[in-house]
Structures are given as C-alpha cells and as structure tokens.
Amino acid sequence: MSHSFKARVLALALAGGLAAPVPFVALAARAAPAQAAATVTVRIDNFVFGPAAITVAPGTTVTWVNQDDIPHNIVADDKQTFRSKVLDTDESYSFTFTKPGEYGYFCGLHPHMTGKVIVKAG
C-alpha cells in the first residue's frame, strides 16, 4: 500500500468519513516478513569436511562448498536422503534438514572423507 494512499485514508478517517485506521495497524502486523531460516556452511578443503560434525535445529539448510582443487560430492550414509552432483571448485550443494536425527555423510569419490549433521529440536 503506497504512503500517499494511506495518508488519504487516514485523513478521511480523522475527518469522520471512515472508521478509525486500526485495520492498517493489523494489516501491517500480518504483512511482516517471516524470519529467514538458518543456514550453516560446511567447507570442503584438503580432503576434509569442516567442520566434520555440526548440530542444527530442524529447518536449517546446510550448504557444502567445495574449496578444494579437485571434485567432491556429498552422499548420505543411507545413499537416499541426500546426494549432490559432483562439485567442482567453488560449487556448492544445499540440503534442508527438517526431521531430528543424525545424518552421516561421505564423499562418494573419496569415501574416507566423512561428516555428520545432528538435527535436534529445541
């Protein structure tokens, strides 16, 4: 709603032409933007996920960024929950964790590289 429109309606209301401008306060409260969900970054560098283990709340998006000179990918231990494409240098992959639990993962190209996301409510 434009500022000039609100000003005209407020002037009408004050002149007795409309009910009090309370609805605009209610509209403003309802239109407030929702808070952004949390994002956590895991860096891939020198054949290591860093940090190797993270604890996050449900709804958190984890973004893995490959800062290594060679390709890597991210694969959930169960090979189903999440799986990235092969990431070249400076490419990233994101996954939003919605359910509490422990999610182990590894690099499908270098299985000795492992990490864990722990999702805890509250």
Protein backbone atom coordinates (compact mmCIF):
# COMPACT_ATOMS: atom_id res chain seq x y z
CA MET A 1 0.00 0.00 0.00
CA SER A 2 1.51 3.35 -1.01
CA HIS A 3 2.26 6.02 1.54
CA SER A 4 0.01 8.56 -0.23
CA PHE A 5 -2.95 6.15 -0.25
CA LYS A 6 -2.54 5.53 3.49
CA ALA A 7 -2.30 9.28 4.10
CA ARG A 8 -5.56 9.93 2.20
CA VAL A 9 -7.41 7.17 4.07
CA LEU A 10 -6.07 8.42 7.39
CA ALA A 11 -7.23 11.96 6.54
CA LEU A 12 -10.71 10.62 5.71
CA ALA A 13 -10.81 8.65 8.94
CA LEU A 14 -9.79 11.64 11.03
CA ALA A 15 -12.43 13.75 9.29
CA GLY A 16 -15.06 11.22 10.37
CA GLY A 17 -15.53 9.75 6.90
CA LEU A 18 -14.23 6.29 7.86
CA ALA A 19 -13.83 4.14 10.91
CA ALA A 20 -10.61 4.54 12.87
CA PRO A 21 -7.49 3.46 10.96
CA VAL A 22 -6.91 0.44 13.22
CA PRO A 23 -7.13 -2.03 10.29
CA PHE A 24 -3.91 -0.59 8.89
CA VAL A 25 -2.07 -1.50 12.07
CA ALA A 26 -3.45 -5.03 11.85
CA LEU A 27 -2.54 -5.26 8.16
CA ALA A 28 0.98 -4.11 8.89
CA ALA A 29 1.35 -6.73 11.61
CA ARG A 30 0.08 -9.50 9.32
CA ALA A 31 2.31 -8.40 6.46
CA ALA A 32 5.53 -8.59 8.49
CA PRO A 33 8.02 -10.87 6.76
CA ALA A 34 8.79 -14.24 8.32
CA GLN A 35 12.25 -14.74 9.77
CA ALA A 36 14.72 -16.36 7.42
CA ALA A 37 15.62 -19.96 8.12
CA ALA A 38 19.12 -20.66 9.40
CA THR A 39 21.91 -21.65 7.01
CA VAL A 40 25.13 -23.36 8.01
CA THR A 41 28.14 -23.75 5.72
CA VAL A 42 30.44 -26.76 5.62
CA ARG A 43 33.65 -26.20 3.68
CA ILE A 44 35.34 -28.92 1.68
CA ASP A 45 39.09 -28.37 1.60
CA ASN A 46 42.18 -30.58 1.55
CA PHE A 47 40.01 -33.76 1.53
CA VAL A 48 38.19 -32.73 4.73
CA PHE A 49 34.66 -31.59 5.57
CA GLY A 50 34.96 -28.70 8.00
CA PRO A 51 33.50 -28.79 10.49
CA ALA A 52 33.22 -32.57 10.40
CA ALA A 53 30.19 -32.61 12.72
CA ILE A 54 27.55 -29.93 13.19
CA THR A 55 24.42 -29.69 15.32
CA VAL A 56 21.49 -27.75 13.88
CA ALA A 57 17.78 -27.15 14.51
CA PRO A 58 15.09 -28.62 12.25
CA GLY A 59 14.54 -26.39 9.24
CA THR A 60 18.22 -25.50 8.91
CA THR A 61 19.77 -25.55 5.46
CA VAL A 62 23.30 -26.90 5.29
CA THR A 63 25.39 -25.74 2.34
CA TRP A 64 28.56 -27.57 1.41
CA VAL A 65 31.08 -25.51 -0.58
CA ASN A 66 33.93 -27.21 -2.43
CA GLN A 67 37.02 -25.08 -1.84
CA ASP A 68 39.35 -27.90 -2.85
CA ASP A 69 41.21 -28.06 -6.15
CA ILE A 70 39.57 -31.36 -7.10
CA PRO A 71 35.93 -32.51 -7.40
CA HIS A 72 33.95 -33.90 -4.47
CA ASN A 73 30.34 -34.79 -3.75
CA ILE A 74 28.15 -35.32 -0.71
CA VAL A 75 26.25 -38.58 -0.19
CA ALA A 76 24.09 -39.50 2.83
CA ASP A 77 25.17 -42.72 4.55
CA ASP A 78 21.84 -44.29 3.55
CA LYS A 79 22.52 -43.14 -0.06
CA GLN A 80 18.92 -41.87 -0.30
CA THR A 81 18.27 -38.91 1.99
CA PHE A 82 20.53 -36.53 0.03
CA ARG A 83 23.11 -36.76 -2.72
CA SER A 84 24.83 -33.96 -4.59
CA LYS A 85 26.17 -33.91 -8.08
CA VAL A 86 29.95 -33.83 -8.37
CA LEU A 87 31.05 -30.35 -7.27
CA ASP A 88 33.95 -28.59 -8.95
CA THR A 89 35.97 -25.91 -7.17
CA ASP A 90 33.72 -23.16 -5.71
CA GLU A 91 30.49 -25.04 -6.47
CA SER A 92 28.03 -25.76 -3.67
CA TYR A 93 25.18 -28.06 -2.68
CA SER A 94 22.44 -27.34 -0.14
CA PHE A 95 20.01 -29.56 1.75
CA THR A 96 17.38 -28.54 4.33
CA PHE A 97 17.12 -30.84 7.34
CA THR A 98 13.52 -30.99 8.57
CA LYS A 99 13.50 -34.01 10.91
CA PRO A 100 15.53 -34.57 14.08
CA GLY A 101 18.16 -37.30 13.86
CA GLU A 102 21.77 -37.99 12.96
CA TYR A 103 22.72 -37.84 9.31
CA GLY A 104 26.13 -39.23 8.44
CA TYR A 105 27.56 -38.49 5.02
CA PHE A 106 30.68 -39.05 2.93
CA CYS A 107 32.29 -38.04 -0.35
CA GLY A 108 31.28 -40.58 -2.97
CA LEU A 109 34.58 -40.01 -4.81
CA HIS A 110 36.74 -40.20 -1.67
CA PRO A 111 34.88 -42.38 0.90
CA HIS A 112 37.46 -41.70 3.63
CA MET A 113 36.01 -38.18 3.80
CA THR A 114 33.12 -38.28 6.29
CA GLY A 115 30.93 -35.88 8.21
CA LYS A 116 27.78 -35.75 10.30
CA VAL A 117 24.80 -33.44 10.71
CA ILE A 118 22.93 -33.79 14.02
CA VAL A 119 19.46 -32.28 13.95
CA LYS A 120 17.99 -31.53 17.40
CA ALA A 121 14.69 -29.87 18.14
CA GLY A 122 14.65 -27.00 20.63
